[in-house]
Protein backbone atom coordinates (compact mmCIF):
# COMPACT_ATOMS: atom_id res chain seq x y z
CA MET A 1 76.34 166.39 152.19
CA ALA A 2 76.87 163.82 154.94
CA PRO A 3 73.81 162.86 156.95
CA ASP A 4 75.26 163.97 160.28
CA SER A 5 75.30 167.54 159.01
CA GLY A 6 71.73 167.48 157.85
CA GLY A 7 72.50 166.58 154.23
CA GLN A 8 71.59 163.68 151.98
CA VAL A 9 73.32 160.37 151.47
CA LEU A 10 75.55 160.39 148.38
CA SER A 11 74.42 158.24 145.49
CA ARG A 12 76.63 155.58 143.93
CA GLU A 13 77.55 157.88 141.05
CA GLU A 14 78.33 160.75 143.47
CA VAL A 15 80.51 158.43 145.52
CA ASP A 16 82.46 157.34 142.44
CA ARG A 17 82.95 160.92 141.31
CA ALA A 18 84.08 161.96 144.82
CA LEU A 19 86.55 159.06 144.94
CA ALA A 20 88.00 160.02 141.57
CA ARG A 21 88.34 163.70 142.56
CA LEU A 22 89.86 162.95 145.95
CA GLY A 23 92.24 160.43 144.39
CA ALA A 24 93.53 163.12 142.00
CA GLU A 25 93.88 165.57 144.90
CA HIS A 26 95.74 162.92 146.89
CA GLU A 27 98.25 162.35 144.08
CA ALA A 28 98.81 166.10 143.63
CA ILE A 29 99.35 166.58 147.38
CA GLU A 30 101.81 163.69 147.49
CA SER A 31 103.81 165.08 144.56
CA SER A 32 103.96 168.52 146.16
CA LEU A 33 105.05 167.14 149.54
CA LEU A 34 107.75 164.97 147.94
CA ALA A 35 109.03 167.96 145.94
CA LEU A 36 109.13 170.03 149.13
CA GLN A 37 110.89 167.22 150.97
CA ASP A 38 113.60 167.02 148.28
CA HIS A 39 113.93 170.79 147.73
CA ALA A 40 117.57 171.93 148.02
CA GLY A 41 116.51 174.95 150.05
CA ARG A 42 114.83 172.78 152.68
CA ARG A 43 117.85 170.49 152.98
CA LEU A 44 120.06 173.54 153.46
CA LEU A 45 117.72 174.97 156.08
CA GLU A 46 117.69 171.71 157.99
CA GLY A 47 121.49 171.47 158.02
CA ALA A 48 122.53 175.12 158.44
CA GLN A 49 123.43 177.02 161.60
CA LEU A 50 120.70 179.63 161.29
CA SER A 51 120.32 182.95 163.06
CA GLY A 52 118.10 186.02 163.16
CA VAL A 53 114.92 186.15 161.12
CA THR A 54 115.57 182.86 159.35
CA ARG A 55 115.99 180.90 162.59
CA GLU A 56 112.76 182.35 164.01
CA ARG A 57 110.67 181.67 160.90
CA TRP A 58 112.11 178.21 160.28
CA ALA A 59 111.52 177.26 163.91
CA ARG A 60 107.82 177.89 163.27
CA ALA A 61 107.73 176.39 159.78
CA GLU A 62 109.64 173.15 160.39
CA PRO A 63 106.91 171.63 162.64
CA THR A 64 104.36 172.66 160.04
CA ALA A 65 106.30 170.73 157.39
CA SER A 66 106.24 167.61 159.58
CA ARG A 67 102.56 168.09 160.34
CA LEU A 68 101.78 168.16 156.60
CA TRP A 69 102.80 164.50 156.34
CA THR A 70 100.58 163.65 159.32
CA TYR A 71 97.65 165.31 157.57
CA PHE A 72 98.55 163.47 154.37
CA ASP A 73 98.60 160.12 156.18
CA THR A 74 95.13 160.88 157.53
CA CYS A 75 93.90 161.60 154.00
CA THR A 76 95.59 158.42 152.76
CA ASP A 77 93.92 156.25 155.40
CA ALA A 78 90.51 157.77 154.73
CA LEU A 79 90.87 157.35 150.99
CA GLU A 80 92.02 153.71 151.26
CA THR A 81 89.17 152.92 153.65
CA ALA A 82 86.66 154.48 151.26
CA ARG A 83 88.11 152.60 148.30
CA GLU A 84 87.99 149.27 150.15
CA LEU A 85 84.40 149.89 151.24
CA ARG A 86 83.40 150.84 147.70
CA ALA A 87 85.11 147.78 146.25
CA ARG A 88 83.05 145.32 148.35
CA ARG A 89 79.95 145.59 146.22
CA ARG A 90 79.28 146.70 142.72
CA PHE A 91 76.00 148.19 143.87
CA PRO A 92 76.49 149.27 147.51
CA GLY A 93 73.54 149.39 149.84
CA ARG A 94 72.25 152.30 151.86
CA ASP A 95 74.43 151.49 154.87
CA ASP A 96 77.53 151.40 152.68
CA LEU A 97 76.58 154.66 150.97
CA LEU A 98 75.95 156.24 154.35
CA GLN A 99 79.41 155.22 155.57
CA LEU A 100 81.04 156.39 152.32
CA SER A 101 79.24 159.72 152.56
CA MET A 102 80.60 160.28 156.05
CA LEU A 103 84.13 159.39 154.92
CA LEU A 104 84.10 161.48 151.76
CA ASP A 105 81.88 164.42 152.62
CA GLY A 106 81.58 164.62 156.38
CA ASP A 107 83.64 165.93 159.28
CA HIS A 108 85.02 162.51 160.17
CA LEU A 109 88.79 162.92 159.60
CA MET A 110 90.55 162.86 162.98
CA VAL A 111 93.73 164.95 163.14
CA SER A 112 95.91 166.28 165.92
CA GLY A 113 94.89 169.91 166.35
CA GLU A 114 97.15 172.87 166.89
CA GLY A 115 96.70 173.70 170.55
CA ARG A 116 94.10 170.89 171.02
CA LEU A 117 94.41 167.16 171.46
CA ALA A 118 92.43 166.26 168.35
CA GLU A 119 89.77 167.60 166.06
CA ARG A 120 87.41 166.41 163.36
CA LEU A 121 87.67 167.91 159.87
CA SER A 122 86.16 167.27 156.50
CA TRP A 123 88.38 166.38 153.56
CA ALA A 124 87.97 169.89 152.10
CA ASP A 125 88.89 171.59 155.39
CA LEU A 126 91.95 169.40 155.81
CA VAL A 127 93.14 170.06 152.25
CA GLU A 128 92.69 173.80 152.81
CA ARG A 129 94.75 173.62 155.98
CA MET A 130 97.44 171.63 154.15
CA ASN A 131 97.55 174.18 151.35
CA ALA A 132 98.05 177.03 153.83
CA GLY A 133 100.83 175.19 155.67
CA TYR A 134 102.47 174.11 152.43
CA ALA A 135 102.48 177.71 151.13
CA GLU A 136 104.02 178.95 154.39
CA VAL A 137 106.86 176.42 154.32
CA LEU A 138 107.45 176.73 150.58
CA ASP A 139 107.68 180.52 150.82
CA ILE A 140 110.52 180.24 153.35
CA VAL A 141 112.27 177.47 151.44
CA ILE A 142 112.16 179.30 148.10
CA ALA A 143 113.25 182.61 149.61
CA ALA A 144 116.21 181.09 151.45
CA ASP A 145 117.24 179.03 148.42
CA SER A 146 117.03 182.09 146.13
CA VAL A 147 119.27 184.14 148.43
CA TRP A 148 121.74 181.30 148.87
CA SER A 149 121.82 180.70 145.12
CA ALA A 150 122.38 184.36 144.25
CA LEU A 151 124.45 186.19 146.85
CA PRO A 152 127.22 183.86 148.13
CA ALA A 153 128.44 183.04 144.62
CA ARG A 154 128.48 186.71 143.65
CA ILE A 155 130.24 187.61 146.89
CA ASP A 156 132.87 184.93 146.22
CA LEU A 157 133.52 186.29 142.72
CA LEU A 158 133.83 189.81 144.09
CA SER A 159 136.14 188.59 146.85
CA ALA A 160 138.38 186.86 144.30
CA GLU A 161 138.54 190.06 142.28
CA LEU A 162 139.29 191.96 145.48
CA ARG A 163 142.23 189.65 146.24
CA ARG A 164 143.71 190.18 142.77
CA LEU A 165 143.29 193.94 143.11
CA SER A 166 144.90 193.86 146.57
CA GLU A 167 147.99 192.11 145.18
CA LEU A 168 148.23 194.65 142.38
CA ALA A 169 147.71 197.55 144.79
CA HIS A 170 150.41 196.29 147.14
CA SER A 171 152.86 196.11 144.24
CA VAL A 172 152.53 199.87 143.71
CA GLY A 173 152.52 200.79 147.39
CA VAL A 174 148.75 201.13 147.91
CA ARG A 175 148.54 199.64 151.40
CA PRO A 176 146.43 200.26 154.51
CA GLY A 177 147.79 203.19 156.43
CA ALA A 178 149.85 204.40 153.48
CA HIS A 179 147.15 205.29 150.97
CA PRO A 180 143.39 205.94 151.32
CA ALA A 181 142.65 203.31 148.68
CA GLY A 182 144.55 200.77 150.79
CA ASP A 183 142.31 201.58 153.74
CA ASP A 184 139.26 201.19 151.48
CA LEU A 185 140.54 197.80 150.30
CA GLN A 186 140.81 196.60 153.87
CA ARG A 187 137.36 197.93 154.72
CA VAL A 188 135.67 196.31 151.69
CA THR A 189 137.42 193.01 152.41
CA GLY A 190 136.01 192.98 155.93
CA GLU A 191 132.58 194.02 154.68
CA LEU A 192 132.42 191.16 152.16
CA THR A 193 133.55 188.62 154.77
CA GLU A 194 130.85 189.77 157.20
CA LEU A 195 128.23 189.92 154.44
CA ARG A 196 128.88 186.34 153.33
CA ALA A 197 128.65 185.00 156.88
CA GLU A 198 125.38 186.88 157.47
CA VAL A 199 123.88 185.65 154.18
CA ILE A 200 124.71 182.03 155.00
CA ALA A 201 123.30 182.23 158.54
CA ASP A 202 120.28 184.47 157.91
CA PRO A 203 119.25 184.41 154.24
CA LEU A 204 115.73 185.70 154.91
CA ALA A 205 117.21 188.96 156.22
CA PHE A 206 118.34 189.54 152.63
CA TRP A 207 114.99 188.81 150.99
CA ILE A 208 112.61 191.51 149.74
CA ALA A 209 109.13 190.00 149.47
CA ASP A 210 106.86 191.04 146.64
CA GLY A 211 103.94 192.57 148.48
CA GLY A 212 101.70 192.40 145.43
CA SER A 213 102.09 188.65 144.92
CA SER A 214 100.41 185.90 146.94
CA ALA A 215 102.44 183.10 145.35
CA PRO A 216 105.06 181.42 147.58
CA GLY A 217 108.57 182.76 147.02
CA GLY A 218 107.47 186.02 145.42
CA GLY A 219 110.28 188.53 145.80
CA ARG A 220 113.98 189.03 145.13
CA PRO A 221 117.31 188.98 147.00
CA ASP A 222 118.37 192.24 148.65
CA THR A 223 121.71 193.19 147.02
CA VAL A 224 122.10 196.71 148.42
CA ARG A 225 125.17 195.93 150.54
CA TYR A 226 126.71 193.81 147.80
CA ASP A 227 126.16 196.54 145.22
CA ARG A 228 127.68 199.13 147.54
CA ALA A 229 130.79 196.96 147.97
CA ALA A 230 131.01 196.45 144.20
CA ARG A 231 130.87 200.21 143.60
CA ALA A 232 133.53 200.78 146.24
CA LEU A 233 135.71 198.18 144.54
CA ASP A 234 135.30 199.99 141.21
CA ASP A 235 136.40 203.23 142.83
CA ILE A 236 139.45 201.53 144.34
CA ARG A 237 140.29 199.97 140.97
CA ARG A 238 140.24 203.37 139.32
CA GLU A 239 142.50 204.75 142.04
CA VAL A 240 144.96 201.88 141.63
CA ASP A 241 144.88 202.29 137.84
CA ALA A 242 145.68 205.97 138.33
CA VAL A 243 148.67 205.06 140.49
CA ILE A 244 149.84 202.56 137.85
CA GLY A 245 149.38 205.23 135.20
CA VAL A 246 151.56 207.55 137.28
CA ARG A 247 154.28 204.92 137.29
CA LYS A 248 154.15 204.74 133.49
CA ASP A 249 154.25 208.45 132.66
CA ALA A 250 155.70 210.02 135.81
CA GLU A 251 158.88 211.25 134.07
CA GLU A 252 156.96 212.88 131.24
CA ARG A 253 154.59 214.61 133.67
CA LEU A 254 157.48 215.83 135.78
CA ILE A 255 159.15 217.32 132.66
CA ARG A 256 155.91 219.10 131.75
CA LEU A 257 155.62 220.43 135.28
CA ARG A 258 159.16 221.80 135.22
CA ASP A 259 158.42 223.46 131.90
CA VAL A 260 155.22 225.10 133.16
CA LEU A 261 156.90 226.39 136.31
CA SER A 262 159.87 227.64 134.28
CA ARG A 263 157.53 229.57 131.96
CA ALA A 264 155.76 231.02 134.99
CA ASP A 265 159.11 232.13 136.48
CA ARG A 266 160.23 233.70 133.18
CA THR A 267 156.90 235.52 132.87
CA LEU A 268 157.21 236.89 136.40
CA ALA A 269 160.79 237.99 135.68
CA GLU A 270 159.57 239.73 132.55
CA ALA A 271 156.83 241.39 134.59
CA ARG A 272 159.36 242.64 137.15
CA THR A 273 161.53 244.07 134.37
CA ALA A 274 158.51 245.66 132.72
CA ARG A 275 157.45 247.17 136.02
CA GLY A 276 160.75 248.98 136.32
CA GLU A 277 160.36 250.26 132.77
CA VAL A 278 156.80 251.42 133.43
CA LEU A 279 157.79 253.24 136.60
CA ALA A 280 160.51 255.01 134.63
CA LYS A 281 158.37 255.91 131.60
CA ILE A 282 154.87 256.48 133.03
CA ALA A 283 154.08 259.10 135.67
CA ALA A 284 151.07 259.25 137.99
CA SER A 285 150.21 255.57 137.45
CA GLU A 286 149.63 252.84 140.03
CA VAL A 287 151.68 249.85 138.93
CA PRO A 288 150.94 246.62 140.87
CA ALA A 289 153.77 244.80 142.59
CA VAL A 290 155.09 241.55 141.10
CA SER A 291 155.58 238.55 143.38
CA GLY A 292 158.58 236.29 143.29
CA PRO A 293 158.73 232.73 141.96
CA ALA A 294 156.56 230.06 143.64
CA SER A 295 159.23 228.52 145.84
CA ALA A 296 156.70 226.21 147.53
CA LEU A 297 155.78 224.65 144.20
CA HIS A 298 159.45 224.14 143.35
CA GLU A 299 159.96 222.40 146.70
CA GLN A 300 156.99 220.14 146.08
CA LEU A 301 158.29 219.40 142.59
CA ALA A 302 161.56 218.28 144.14
CA THR A 303 159.57 216.10 146.56
CA ALA A 304 157.69 214.56 143.61
CA ALA A 305 160.97 213.76 141.86
CA ASP A 306 162.18 212.12 145.07
CA TYR A 307 159.01 210.00 145.24
CA ARG A 308 159.65 208.85 141.70
CA ARG A 309 163.23 207.85 142.46
CA ARG A 310 162.03 205.83 145.45
CA ALA A 311 159.11 204.28 143.48
CA GLN A 312 156.58 205.65 145.98
CA TRP A 313 153.86 205.80 143.34
CA HIS A 314 150.97 205.95 145.80
CA ARG A 315 152.36 209.21 147.18
CA LEU A 316 153.43 210.58 143.82
CA SER A 317 149.97 210.18 142.25
CA PRO A 318 148.00 212.71 144.37
CA LEU A 319 150.99 215.08 144.54
CA LEU A 320 151.34 215.19 140.75
CA GLU A 321 147.64 215.90 140.28
CA SER A 322 147.80 218.77 142.76
CA LEU A 323 151.02 220.16 141.29
CA GLU A 324 149.69 220.10 137.72
CA GLN A 325 146.65 222.13 138.67
CA ARG A 326 148.60 224.61 140.82
CA ALA A 327 151.35 225.02 138.21
CA GLU A 328 148.79 226.00 135.57
CA GLU A 329 147.25 228.43 138.03
CA GLU A 330 150.70 229.89 138.73
CA LEU A 331 151.34 230.40 135.01
CA ASP A 332 147.97 232.11 134.58
CA ARG A 333 148.75 234.34 137.57
CA ALA A 334 152.15 235.29 136.08
CA ARG A 335 150.57 236.17 132.75
CA ALA A 336 147.89 238.24 134.48
CA SER A 337 150.59 240.04 136.46
CA LEU A 338 152.53 240.84 133.28
CA SER A 339 149.38 242.15 131.61
CA ALA A 340 148.53 244.32 134.62
CA VAL A 341 152.08 245.73 134.82
CA THR A 342 152.36 246.56 131.11
CA ALA A 343 148.85 248.02 130.85
CA PRO A 344 150.07 251.67 131.13
CA LEU A 345 152.53 251.10 128.25
CA ALA A 346 149.70 249.66 126.19
CA VAL A 347 147.56 252.71 126.95
CA ARG A 348 150.41 255.02 125.90
CA ALA A 349 150.93 253.08 122.67
CA GLU A 350 147.21 253.28 121.91
CA LEU A 351 147.21 257.05 122.47
CA ARG A 352 150.26 257.46 120.22
CA GLY A 353 148.59 255.46 117.50
CA ARG A 354 145.39 257.44 117.76
CA LEU A 355 147.30 260.78 117.61
CA ASP A 356 149.23 259.69 114.53
CA ALA A 357 146.06 258.46 112.85
CA TYR A 358 144.32 261.82 113.23
CA LYS A 359 147.50 263.63 112.12
CA ALA A 360 147.56 261.49 108.99
CA LYS A 361 143.91 262.33 108.29
CA ALA A 362 144.55 266.01 108.63
CA THR A 363 147.67 265.80 106.45
CA ARG A 364 145.84 263.91 103.72
CA LEU A 365 143.20 266.64 103.60
CA GLY A 366 145.74 269.47 103.73
CA LYS A 367 144.75 270.72 107.16
CA ALA A 368 147.69 269.56 109.29
CA ALA A 369 149.38 272.98 109.07
CA GLU A 370 146.45 274.77 110.65
CA PRO A 371 147.92 276.72 113.58
CA MET A 372 145.46 275.37 116.16
CA LEU A 373 145.95 271.80 114.98
CA ALA A 374 149.70 272.11 114.88
CA GLU A 375 149.80 273.58 118.37
CA ARG A 376 147.58 270.88 119.89
CA TYR A 377 149.44 268.17 118.05
CA ASP A 378 152.79 269.37 119.36
CA GLN A 379 151.40 269.55 122.88
CA ALA A 380 150.00 266.01 122.75
CA ARG A 381 153.14 264.62 121.13
CA ARG A 382 155.37 266.23 123.69
CA LEU A 383 153.35 264.66 126.50
CA LEU A 384 153.32 261.21 124.90
CA TRP A 385 157.01 261.14 123.96
CA THR A 386 158.33 262.56 127.23
CA ALA A 387 159.47 260.30 130.05
CA PRO A 388 157.92 259.93 132.49
CA CYS A 389 154.64 260.29 130.62
CA ASP A 390 151.60 261.72 132.35
CA LEU A 391 148.92 259.47 130.87
CA ARG A 392 145.96 261.50 132.10
CA ALA A 393 147.33 264.76 130.63
CA ALA A 394 148.37 263.00 127.42
CA GLU A 395 144.91 261.45 127.00
CA ASN A 396 143.25 264.82 127.49
CA ALA A 397 145.66 266.38 124.96
CA VAL A 398 144.89 263.70 122.38
CA ARG A 399 141.17 264.19 122.95
CA ARG A 400 141.52 267.96 122.43
CA TYR A 401 143.43 267.34 119.19
CA GLN A 402 140.64 265.02 118.03
CA ARG A 403 137.98 267.61 118.68
CA ALA A 404 139.99 270.34 117.00
CA THR A 405 140.56 268.18 113.94
CA ALA A 406 136.87 267.40 113.77
CA GLU A 407 135.98 271.07 113.96
CA VAL A 408 138.46 272.02 111.20
CA LEU A 409 137.28 269.26 108.90
CA ALA A 410 133.58 269.74 109.66
CA SER A 411 133.02 272.12 106.73
CA GLY A 412 132.61 269.65 103.89
CA GLU A 413 135.85 267.72 104.38
CA GLU A 414 136.16 264.29 106.02
CA ASP A 415 135.22 263.67 109.62
CA PRO A 416 138.20 262.00 111.33
CA ALA A 417 135.84 259.68 113.20
CA ASP A 418 134.30 258.50 109.93
CA GLY A 419 136.14 256.07 107.67
CA ARG A 420 134.58 257.53 104.44
CA ARG A 421 135.91 260.31 102.21
CA GLU A 422 133.47 262.99 101.03
CA ARG A 423 133.94 264.87 97.80
């Protein structure tokens, strides 16, 4: 320790070791300061028109960077003075050792203080202050340089891709005001232009610091807005590709649409014809009404064909998608209507089949001529083969014939409800 602080005078060996250590520290500090001086990020910060967070932080850090060289010059002068004093004698006396101790280990380095005119510091205190200031400046320099190195180049690539996509979109009619994807293209273009200008002027606003790291420059660029624009561009590209795909296969899709609608119309016509037949042949049955052809879909199909003739692909694309879905729904509705209308005829056919099946059973077992069976069979057959047919009465008649057949055949013969023959 230096004598003015109550310590002992350094010995010759201690002085030599302190000179060697401080000389190594001096070289390391000089290398770090030169690297900071030549850092690309610092040169960009000094020459850029900054704004926002970056301007505020750099306004505080730039004087610190200049002050680091002032501190370094103080260390240089003290080290050179100590080396000259040590070089005078091979074996320095007590006065020399006392002076060397104050230079190397005492609070005798005069520096301009922050907020004060001047202050005295030891070499260790001054190096600690330099390290803190260096870390502060380097953190800003590295962060700004990392953002400038990452985001503007990526934004430029995305902007170039956006320009190519815009030209392609315009060629198929995807323009602002005419197609939603055209509006999105315009919006993303403006967003990328604003984003690039903000990144250049305020890079630290796009820096996410690593809270768990104390090393300068710990963190990563904030790419949230860039990523959002990239995803929006992907969505627009898919939309434009869909429009281009419409241009390629529009005729084929229109032919398929006409076919689906034609099948739906034929099915509805068949349902209307069947409804008249059901009303004539089936009594006491509620037959649903059958709607007419989907004239609105036919009108939209004509509009789609007109879009194709005029090469308005951006309008044809969403219309075709809607028409394809609605045409399939119309065909399903027509089929459901036909099934609902012809259901009474299906019920009558099922009852006829069931009656004939039980009659065949009874005939095979020699019981068909039984008076009760013959009477109930004739009654059921008359109801089923008379127009209009009363389905409820016919069903009850068939059920009575079933029960009668089962009763006649119950004594050792075959049960009509069982598919096995008993001997």
